[in-house]
Amino acid sequence: MIDAMAAEWWKLRSVRSTFAVLGVIAAFAVLCVVWSLYAAHYWDGLSAARRATFEAAPPEQPLSIALPVCAVVLGALPLTSEYASGMIRTSLAAMPRRRTLFAAKAAVPGAAMLVAALVSLAAGVLAGRAAVDGRPLRAFDAPLADHVPYVLAMAAATAAITLITFGLAAVLRSTAGTITAGMAVLFVVPPVANFLPGPWDERIWSVLPSSLPGQIAAPPGASSSRDGLPPLASALLLAAYTAVALGVGARVFGKRDA
């Protein structure tokens, strides 16, 4: 298993798409600083009465949008690119134990996105707090400990989305199809659910993968009018999505011809 993971790590870091995804994450970490500087500049122009009610998105907000997209892309490519090029036959010849190969292929991008999310989110929070320079903006001046649960939840959700997409890739075997399906679940289904009659709009919204990180741990100063799931239920549901996607993907990968 260790040798298989080492081989998959070498593959992952030898392709340009990996560095493109990491470059996008780094760019959005810089955007966190830009957003924080803008929020500080906007705060300076407000009256005292307006400042009392002003609510700004947290410094890590740009990354909370970019990380799921990057997770879908990096979750799809390790498997679908090998099917497209025929490299999967070489991989299976070198590692005929399909379950071990599937686990290694899933673990490497999942771990890479977990680390990238943790590092970028922590950098975004710290840089954003430095950019506002002590101004009492809600969500910026909260203690660092208040940011930790949301950062951990977002990082875990990013890794989970990567693994869910990987499981989907094993079923679809198509880069375009997998990325399209992943993006649809993240960004198309939630707005559509809002058009459903109540209480089904709230119920369906609360169980969608894109809604779970904020229900596991909300960012400091965040307020929501929605009634979501409890944090533990949200975490268990995200874990269940991941387990089902990987289970179905592993079964298809183990039985279907390369």
C-alpha atoms as a PDB file:
ATOM      1  CA  MET A   1       0.000   0.000   0.000  1.00  0.00           C
ATOM      2  CA  ILE A   2       2.831   2.410   0.862  1.00  0.00           C
ATOM      3  CA  ASP A   3       4.565   1.712  -2.454  1.00  0.00           C
ATOM      4  CA  ALA A   4       1.304   2.230  -4.321  1.00  0.00           C
ATOM      5  CA  MET A   5       0.704   5.554  -2.571  1.00  0.00           C
ATOM      6  CA  ALA A   6       4.280   6.642  -3.299  1.00  0.00           C
ATOM      7  CA  ALA A   7       3.767   5.857  -6.986  1.00  0.00           C
ATOM      8  CA  GLU A   8       0.478   7.759  -7.077  1.00  0.00           C
ATOM      9  CA  TRP A   9       2.084  10.725  -5.319  1.00  0.00           C
ATOM     10  CA  TRP A  10       4.826  10.767  -7.942  1.00  0.00           C
ATOM     11  CA  LYS A  11       2.203  10.738 -10.692  1.00  0.00           C
ATOM     12  CA  LEU A  12       0.184  13.512  -9.045  1.00  0.00           C
ATOM     13  CA  ARG A  13       3.107  15.876  -8.636  1.00  0.00           C
ATOM     14  CA  SER A  14       4.463  15.200 -12.117  1.00  0.00           C
ATOM     15  CA  VAL A  15       1.451  16.565 -14.019  1.00  0.00           C
ATOM     16  CA  ARG A  16       0.753  20.239 -14.731  1.00  0.00           C
ATOM     17  CA  SER A  17      -2.903  20.044 -13.721  1.00  0.00           C
ATOM     18  CA  THR A  18      -1.916  19.499 -10.087  1.00  0.00           C
ATOM     19  CA  PHE A  19       0.153  22.657 -10.018  1.00  0.00           C
ATOM     20  CA  ALA A  20      -2.616  24.521 -11.821  1.00  0.00           C
ATOM     21  CA  VAL A  21      -5.067  23.551  -9.074  1.00  0.00           C
ATOM     22  CA  LEU A  22      -2.612  24.501  -6.339  1.00  0.00           C
ATOM     23  CA  GLY A  23      -1.913  27.775  -8.156  1.00  0.00           C
ATOM     24  CA  VAL A  24      -5.624  28.603  -8.124  1.00  0.00           C
ATOM     25  CA  ILE A  25      -5.759  27.902  -4.387  1.00  0.00           C
ATOM     26  CA  ALA A  26      -2.744  30.167  -3.820  1.00  0.00           C
ATOM     27  CA  ALA A  27      -4.340  32.907  -5.926  1.00  0.00           C
ATOM     28  CA  PHE A  28      -7.514  32.788  -3.863  1.00  0.00           C
ATOM     29  CA  ALA A  29      -5.447  32.907  -0.667  1.00  0.00           C
ATOM     30  CA  VAL A  30      -4.033  36.189  -1.977  1.00  0.00           C
ATOM     31  CA  LEU A  31      -7.593  37.246  -2.792  1.00  0.00           C
ATOM     32  CA  CYS A  32      -8.412  36.784   0.891  1.00  0.00           C
ATOM     33  CA  VAL A  33      -5.929  39.565   1.630  1.00  0.00           C
ATOM     34  CA  VAL A  34      -7.412  41.758  -1.099  1.00  0.00           C
ATOM     35  CA  TRP A  35     -10.895  41.221   0.308  1.00  0.00           C
ATOM     36  CA  SER A  36      -9.682  42.030   3.820  1.00  0.00           C
ATOM     37  CA  LEU A  37      -8.031  45.252   2.656  1.00  0.00           C
ATOM     38  CA  TYR A  38     -11.236  46.251   0.877  1.00  0.00           C
ATOM     39  CA  ALA A  39     -13.320  45.500   3.978  1.00  0.00           C
ATOM     40  CA  ALA A  40     -10.963  47.630   6.080  1.00  0.00           C
ATOM     41  CA  HIS A  41     -11.126  50.490   3.581  1.00  0.00           C
ATOM     42  CA  TYR A  42     -14.930  50.268   3.443  1.00  0.00           C
ATOM     43  CA  TRP A  43     -15.102  50.260   7.252  1.00  0.00           C
ATOM     44  CA  ASP A  44     -13.099  53.460   7.438  1.00  0.00           C
ATOM     45  CA  GLY A  45     -15.719  55.248   5.341  1.00  0.00           C
ATOM     46  CA  LEU A  46     -18.718  54.220   7.466  1.00  0.00           C
ATOM     47  CA  SER A  47     -20.438  56.299  10.091  1.00  0.00           C
ATOM     48  CA  ALA A  48     -20.439  55.163  13.723  1.00  0.00           C
ATOM     49  CA  ALA A  49     -24.091  54.084  13.452  1.00  0.00           C
ATOM     50  CA  ARG A  50     -23.446  52.068  10.304  1.00  0.00           C
ATOM     51  CA  ARG A  51     -20.394  50.412  11.798  1.00  0.00           C
ATOM     52  CA  ALA A  52     -22.523  49.037  14.618  1.00  0.00           C
ATOM     53  CA  THR A  53     -24.581  46.972  12.158  1.00  0.00           C
ATOM     54  CA  PHE A  54     -21.959  46.284   9.485  1.00  0.00           C
ATOM     55  CA  GLU A  55     -21.328  42.596   8.782  1.00  0.00           C
ATOM     56  CA  ALA A  56     -18.483  41.534   6.503  1.00  0.00           C
ATOM     57  CA  ALA A  57     -17.803  38.064   5.165  1.00  0.00           C
ATOM     58  CA  PRO A  58     -14.927  36.357   7.005  1.00  0.00           C
ATOM     59  CA  PRO A  59     -11.384  36.687   5.613  1.00  0.00           C
ATOM     60  CA  GLU A  60     -11.382  33.104   4.332  1.00  0.00           C
ATOM     61  CA  GLN A  61     -14.573  33.586   2.304  1.00  0.00           C
ATOM     62  CA  PRO A  62     -12.875  33.574  -1.163  1.00  0.00           C
ATOM     63  CA  LEU A  63     -11.274  30.224  -0.386  1.00  0.00           C
ATOM     64  CA  SER A  64     -14.585  28.732   0.734  1.00  0.00           C
ATOM     65  CA  ILE A  65     -15.754  29.247  -2.869  1.00  0.00           C
ATOM     66  CA  ALA A  66     -12.576  28.105  -4.640  1.00  0.00           C
ATOM     67  CA  LEU A  67     -11.698  25.022  -2.593  1.00  0.00           C
ATOM     68  CA  PRO A  68     -14.753  22.908  -3.542  1.00  0.00           C
ATOM     69  CA  VAL A  69     -14.156  23.656  -7.237  1.00  0.00           C
ATOM     70  CA  CYS A  70     -10.498  22.658  -6.964  1.00  0.00           C
ATOM     71  CA  ALA A  71     -11.505  19.541  -5.032  1.00  0.00           C
ATOM     72  CA  VAL A  72     -13.807  18.424  -7.852  1.00  0.00           C
ATOM     73  CA  VAL A  73     -11.081  18.934 -10.451  1.00  0.00           C
ATOM     74  CA  LEU A  74      -8.324  17.189  -8.508  1.00  0.00           C
ATOM     75  CA  GLY A  75     -10.677  14.389  -7.492  1.00  0.00           C
ATOM     76  CA  ALA A  76     -11.615  13.661 -11.091  1.00  0.00           C
ATOM     77  CA  LEU A  77      -8.274  13.843 -12.885  1.00  0.00           C
ATOM     78  CA  PRO A  78      -6.144  11.089 -11.277  1.00  0.00           C
ATOM     79  CA  LEU A  79      -8.466   8.351 -12.527  1.00  0.00           C
ATOM     80  CA  THR A  80     -10.220   9.766 -15.588  1.00  0.00           C
ATOM     81  CA  SER A  81      -6.965  10.969 -17.154  1.00  0.00           C
ATOM     82  CA  GLU A  82      -5.553   7.438 -16.974  1.00  0.00           C
ATOM     83  CA  TYR A  83      -8.668   5.998 -18.589  1.00  0.00           C
ATOM     84  CA  ALA A  84      -8.444   8.600 -21.344  1.00  0.00           C
ATOM     85  CA  SER A  85      -4.773   7.902 -22.068  1.00  0.00           C
ATOM     86  CA  GLY A  86      -4.866   4.143 -21.520  1.00  0.00           C
ATOM     87  CA  MET A  87      -2.354   4.473 -18.670  1.00  0.00           C
ATOM     88  CA  ILE A  88      -4.770   2.635 -16.403  1.00  0.00           C
ATOM     89  CA  ARG A  89      -3.711  -0.660 -18.017  1.00  0.00           C
ATOM     90  CA  THR A  90      -0.098   0.017 -17.039  1.00  0.00           C
ATOM     91  CA  SER A  91      -1.157   0.905 -13.504  1.00  0.00           C
ATOM     92  CA  LEU A  92      -3.131  -2.336 -13.186  1.00  0.00           C
ATOM     93  CA  ALA A  93      -0.235  -4.350 -14.598  1.00  0.00           C
ATOM     94  CA  ALA A  94       2.095  -2.842 -11.987  1.00  0.00           C
ATOM     95  CA  MET A  95      -0.482  -3.184  -9.192  1.00  0.00           C
ATOM     96  CA  PRO A  96      -2.982  -5.965 -10.040  1.00  0.00           C
ATOM     97  CA  ARG A  97      -4.700  -5.695  -6.639  1.00  0.00           C
ATOM     98  CA  ARG A  98      -7.438  -3.327  -7.714  1.00  0.00           C
ATOM     99  CA  ARG A  99      -8.703  -2.396  -4.261  1.00  0.00           C
ATOM    100  CA  THR A 100      -5.213  -1.439  -3.138  1.00  0.00           C
ATOM    101  CA  LEU A 101      -4.696   0.621  -6.290  1.00  0.00           C
ATOM    102  CA  PHE A 102      -8.084   2.303  -5.883  1.00  0.00           C
ATOM    103  CA  ALA A 103      -7.368   3.136  -2.237  1.00  0.00           C
ATOM    104  CA  ALA A 104      -3.950   4.579  -3.087  1.00  0.00           C
ATOM    105  CA  LYS A 105      -5.352   6.641  -5.950  1.00  0.00           C
ATOM    106  CA  ALA A 106      -8.054   8.031  -3.660  1.00  0.00           C
ATOM    107  CA  ALA A 107      -5.859   8.680  -0.631  1.00  0.00           C
ATOM    108  CA  VAL A 108      -3.205  10.765  -2.385  1.00  0.00           C
ATOM    109  CA  PRO A 109      -5.410  13.526  -3.884  1.00  0.00           C
ATOM    110  CA  GLY A 110      -7.599  13.486  -0.778  1.00  0.00           C
ATOM    111  CA  ALA A 111      -4.605  14.064   1.488  1.00  0.00           C
ATOM    112  CA  ALA A 112      -3.130  16.657  -0.877  1.00  0.00           C
ATOM    113  CA  MET A 113      -6.348  18.692  -0.880  1.00  0.00           C
ATOM    114  CA  LEU A 114      -6.670  18.384   2.896  1.00  0.00           C
ATOM    115  CA  VAL A 115      -3.191  19.827   3.418  1.00  0.00           C
ATOM    116  CA  ALA A 116      -3.671  22.510   0.749  1.00  0.00           C
ATOM    117  CA  ALA A 117      -6.983  23.562   2.313  1.00  0.00           C
ATOM    118  CA  LEU A 118      -5.573  23.710   5.826  1.00  0.00           C
ATOM    119  CA  VAL A 119      -2.527  25.739   4.792  1.00  0.00           C
ATOM    120  CA  SER A 120      -4.406  28.160   2.542  1.00  0.00           C
ATOM    121  CA  LEU A 121      -7.264  28.729   4.982  1.00  0.00           C
ATOM    122  CA  ALA A 122      -4.900  29.336   7.885  1.00  0.00           C
ATOM    123  CA  ALA A 123      -2.867  31.739   5.738  1.00  0.00           C
ATOM    124  CA  GLY A 124      -6.035  33.511   4.606  1.00  0.00           C
ATOM    125  CA  VAL A 125      -7.265  34.000   8.168  1.00  0.00           C
ATOM    126  CA  LEU A 126      -3.928  35.229   9.501  1.00  0.00           C
ATOM    127  CA  ALA A 127      -3.254  37.539   6.561  1.00  0.00           C
ATOM    128  CA  GLY A 128      -6.807  38.872   6.656  1.00  0.00           C
ATOM    129  CA  ARG A 129      -6.589  39.697  10.333  1.00  0.00           C
ATOM    130  CA  ALA A 130      -3.302  41.474   9.730  1.00  0.00           C
ATOM    131  CA  ALA A 131      -4.823  43.435   6.833  1.00  0.00           C
ATOM    132  CA  VAL A 132      -7.650  44.914   8.922  1.00  0.00           C
ATOM    133  CA  ASP A 133      -5.023  46.019  11.465  1.00  0.00           C
ATOM    134  CA  GLY A 134      -7.101  45.801  14.609  1.00  0.00           C
ATOM    135  CA  ARG A 135     -10.323  47.322  13.278  1.00  0.00           C
ATOM    136  CA  PRO A 136     -13.304  45.838  15.154  1.00  0.00           C
ATOM    137  CA  LEU A 137     -14.907  44.171  12.153  1.00  0.00           C
ATOM    138  CA  ARG A 138     -17.129  41.278  13.072  1.00  0.00           C
ATOM    139  CA  ALA A 139     -15.652  37.961  11.830  1.00  0.00           C
ATOM    140  CA  PHE A 140     -12.199  39.586  11.657  1.00  0.00           C
ATOM    141  CA  ASP A 141     -11.618  40.560  15.277  1.00  0.00           C
ATOM    142  CA  ALA A 142     -12.877  37.247  16.713  1.00  0.00           C
ATOM    143  CA  PRO A 143     -10.268  35.226  18.633  1.00  0.00           C
ATOM    144  CA  LEU A 144      -8.222  32.903  16.458  1.00  0.00           C
ATOM    145  CA  ALA A 145      -9.684  29.941  18.336  1.00  0.00           C
ATOM    146  CA  ASP A 146     -13.116  30.852  16.936  1.00  0.00           C
ATOM    147  CA  HIS A 147     -11.799  30.416  13.388  1.00  0.00           C
ATOM    148  CA  VAL A 148     -10.331  26.964  14.032  1.00  0.00           C
ATOM    149  CA  PRO A 149     -13.584  24.912  13.883  1.00  0.00           C
ATOM    150  CA  TYR A 150     -14.621  26.487  10.574  1.00  0.00           C
ATOM    151  CA  VAL A 151     -11.145  26.047   9.066  1.00  0.00           C
ATOM    152  CA  LEU A 152     -11.089  22.386  10.105  1.00  0.00           C
ATOM    153  CA  ALA A 153     -14.629  21.829   8.804  1.00  0.00           C
ATOM    154  CA  MET A 154     -13.824  23.437   5.450  1.00  0.00           C
ATOM    155  CA  ALA A 155     -10.583  21.456   5.102  1.00  0.00           C
ATOM    156  CA  ALA A 156     -12.327  18.178   5.948  1.00  0.00           C
ATOM    157  CA  ALA A 157     -15.160  18.997   3.531  1.00  0.00           C
ATOM    158  CA  THR A 158     -12.626  19.792   0.801  1.00  0.00           C
ATOM    159  CA  ALA A 159     -10.991  16.388   1.262  1.00  0.00           C
ATOM    160  CA  ALA A 160     -14.431  14.730   1.342  1.00  0.00           C
ATOM    161  CA  ILE A 161     -15.509  16.408  -1.916  1.00  0.00           C
ATOM    162  CA  THR A 162     -12.253  15.234  -3.493  1.00  0.00           C
ATOM    163  CA  LEU A 163     -12.978  11.648  -2.460  1.00  0.00           C
ATOM    164  CA  ILE A 164     -16.644  11.822  -3.496  1.00  0.00           C
ATOM    165  CA  THR A 165     -15.601  13.083  -6.919  1.00  0.00           C
ATOM    166  CA  PHE A 166     -12.989  10.330  -7.154  1.00  0.00           C
ATOM    167  CA  GLY A 167     -15.651   7.710  -6.506  1.00  0.00           C
ATOM    168  CA  LEU A 168     -17.842   9.317  -9.159  1.00  0.00           C
ATOM    169  CA  ALA A 169     -14.900   9.301 -11.580  1.00  0.00           C
ATOM    170  CA  ALA A 170     -14.549   5.540 -11.175  1.00  0.00           C
ATOM    171  CA  VAL A 171     -18.159   5.148 -12.311  1.00  0.00           C
ATOM    172  CA  LEU A 172     -18.221   7.690 -15.147  1.00  0.00           C
ATOM    173  CA  ARG A 173     -14.617   7.339 -16.420  1.00  0.00           C
ATOM    174  CA  SER A 174     -14.976  10.718 -18.109  1.00  0.00           C
ATOM    175  CA  THR A 175     -13.163  13.868 -17.025  1.00  0.00           C
ATOM    176  CA  ALA A 176     -15.764  16.188 -18.512  1.00  0.00           C
ATOM    177  CA  GLY A 177     -18.684  14.135 -17.221  1.00  0.00           C
ATOM    178  CA  THR A 178     -17.263  13.828 -13.711  1.00  0.00           C
ATOM    179  CA  ILE A 179     -16.392  17.506 -13.358  1.00  0.00           C
ATOM    180  CA  THR A 180     -19.749  18.549 -14.802  1.00  0.00           C
ATOM    181  CA  ALA A 181     -21.636  16.286 -12.409  1.00  0.00           C
ATOM    182  CA  GLY A 182     -19.579  17.499  -9.441  1.00  0.00           C
ATOM    183  CA  MET A 183     -20.088  21.166 -10.292  1.00  0.00           C
ATOM    184  CA  ALA A 184     -23.810  20.593 -10.800  1.00  0.00           C
ATOM    185  CA  VAL A 185     -24.182  19.085  -7.332  1.00  0.00           C
ATOM    186  CA  LEU A 186     -22.222  21.927  -5.754  1.00  0.00           C
ATOM    187  CA  PHE A 187     -23.530  24.952  -7.634  1.00  0.00           C
ATOM    188  CA  VAL A 188     -26.672  24.056  -9.610  1.00  0.00           C
ATOM    189  CA  VAL A 189     -28.731  21.860  -7.296  1.00  0.00           C
ATOM    190  CA  PRO A 190     -28.665  24.248  -4.268  1.00  0.00           C
ATOM    191  CA  PRO A 191     -30.228  27.215  -6.150  1.00  0.00           C
ATOM    192  CA  VAL A 192     -32.804  24.891  -7.711  1.00  0.00           C
ATOM    193  CA  ALA A 193     -33.717  23.585  -4.247  1.00  0.00           C
ATOM    194  CA  ASN A 194     -34.530  27.148  -3.182  1.00  0.00           C
ATOM    195  CA  PHE A 195     -37.440  27.196  -5.640  1.00  0.00           C
ATOM    196  CA  LEU A 196     -39.131  24.217  -4.008  1.00  0.00           C
ATOM    197  CA  PRO A 197     -42.106  24.863  -1.731  1.00  0.00           C
ATOM    198  CA  GLY A 198     -41.437  24.918   1.988  1.00  0.00           C
ATOM    199  CA  PRO A 199     -40.455  23.113   4.039  1.00  0.00           C
ATOM    200  CA  TRP A 200     -38.827  20.986   1.327  1.00  0.00           C
ATOM    201  CA  ASP A 201     -36.522  23.782   0.203  1.00  0.00           C
ATOM    202  CA  GLU A 202     -34.914  23.924   3.659  1.00  0.00           C
ATOM    203  CA  ARG A 203     -34.860  20.165   4.092  1.00  0.00           C
ATOM    204  CA  ILE A 204     -33.189  19.449   0.761  1.00  0.00           C
ATOM    205  CA  TRP A 205     -30.776  22.377   1.115  1.00  0.00           C
ATOM    206  CA  SER A 206     -29.650  21.141   4.527  1.00  0.00           C
ATOM    207  CA  VAL A 207     -28.584  17.710   3.251  1.00  0.00           C
ATOM    208  CA  LEU A 208     -26.679  18.846   0.148  1.00  0.00           C
ATOM    209  CA  PRO A 209     -22.880  18.356   0.308  1.00  0.00           C
ATOM    210  CA  SER A 210     -22.189  22.046  -0.337  1.00  0.00           C
ATOM    211  CA  SER A 211     -24.322  23.051   2.662  1.00  0.00           C
ATOM    212  CA  LEU A 212     -22.752  20.702   5.193  1.00  0.00           C
ATOM    213  CA  PRO A 213     -19.443  22.504   6.033  1.00  0.00           C
ATOM    214  CA  GLY A 214     -21.228  25.625   7.265  1.00  0.00           C
ATOM    215  CA  GLN A 215     -23.552  23.484   9.356  1.00  0.00           C
ATOM    216  CA  ILE A 216     -20.662  21.567  10.892  1.00  0.00           C
ATOM    217  CA  ALA A 217     -19.021  24.829  12.000  1.00  0.00           C
ATOM    218  CA  ALA A 218     -20.076  28.327  10.950  1.00  0.00           C
ATOM    219  CA  PRO A 219     -17.478  31.072  10.428  1.00  0.00           C
ATOM    220  CA  PRO A 220     -17.151  33.608  13.246  1.00  0.00           C
ATOM    221  CA  GLY A 221     -19.827  36.286  13.178  1.00  0.00           C
ATOM    222  CA  ALA A 222     -21.936  34.421  10.621  1.00  0.00           C
ATOM    223  CA  SER A 223     -25.701  34.620  10.887  1.00  0.00           C
ATOM    224  CA  SER A 224     -28.119  32.424   8.956  1.00  0.00           C
ATOM    225  CA  SER A 225     -31.881  32.457   8.603  1.00  0.00           C
ATOM    226  CA  ARG A 226     -31.940  28.775   7.605  1.00  0.00           C
ATOM    227  CA  ASP A 227     -32.666  25.895   9.948  1.00  0.00           C
ATOM    228  CA  GLY A 228     -29.983  23.348   9.178  1.00  0.00           C
ATOM    229  CA  LEU A 229     -28.816  20.070  10.651  1.00  0.00           C
ATOM    230  CA  PRO A 230     -26.944  19.793  13.965  1.00  0.00           C
ATOM    231  CA  PRO A 231     -23.144  19.797  13.594  1.00  0.00           C
ATOM    232  CA  LEU A 232     -22.740  16.113  14.412  1.00  0.00           C
ATOM    233  CA  ALA A 233     -25.479  15.066  11.994  1.00  0.00           C
ATOM    234  CA  SER A 234     -23.908  17.208   9.262  1.00  0.00           C
ATOM    235  CA  ALA A 235     -20.478  15.634   9.832  1.00  0.00           C
ATOM    236  CA  LEU A 236     -21.916  12.112   9.806  1.00  0.00           C
ATOM    237  CA  LEU A 237     -23.875  12.815   6.615  1.00  0.00           C
ATOM    238  CA  LEU A 238     -20.750  14.133   4.877  1.00  0.00           C
ATOM    239  CA  ALA A 239     -18.863  11.017   5.980  1.00  0.00           C
ATOM    240  CA  ALA A 240     -21.725   8.859   4.677  1.00  0.00           C
ATOM    241  CA  TYR A 241     -21.646  10.587   1.273  1.00  0.00           C
ATOM    242  CA  THR A 242     -17.903   9.945   1.105  1.00  0.00           C
ATOM    243  CA  ALA A 243     -18.194   6.294   2.140  1.00  0.00           C
ATOM    244  CA  VAL A 244     -20.989   5.562  -0.338  1.00  0.00           C
ATOM    245  CA  ALA A 245     -19.186   7.269  -3.240  1.00  0.00           C
ATOM    246  CA  LEU A 246     -15.939   5.424  -2.523  1.00  0.00           C
ATOM    247  CA  GLY A 247     -17.747   2.132  -1.958  1.00  0.00           C
ATOM    248  CA  VAL A 248     -19.625   2.305  -5.245  1.00  0.00           C
ATOM    249  CA  GLY A 249     -16.518   3.520  -7.063  1.00  0.00           C
ATOM    250  CA  ALA A 250     -14.378   0.714  -5.622  1.00  0.00           C
ATOM    251  CA  ARG A 251     -16.943  -1.909  -6.603  1.00  0.00           C
ATOM    252  CA  VAL A 252     -17.173  -0.633 -10.183  1.00  0.00           C
ATOM    253  CA  PHE A 253     -13.387  -0.270 -10.424  1.00  0.00           C
ATOM    254  CA  GLY A 254     -12.879  -3.813  -9.201  1.00  0.00           C
ATOM    255  CA  LYS A 255     -15.265  -5.441 -11.663  1.00  0.00           C
ATOM    256  CA  ARG A 256     -15.215  -3.374 -14.847  1.00  0.00           C
ATOM    257  CA  ASP A 257     -12.635  -4.044 -17.545  1.00  0.00           C
ATOM    258  CA  ALA A 258      -9.936  -1.409 -18.041  1.00  0.00           C
END
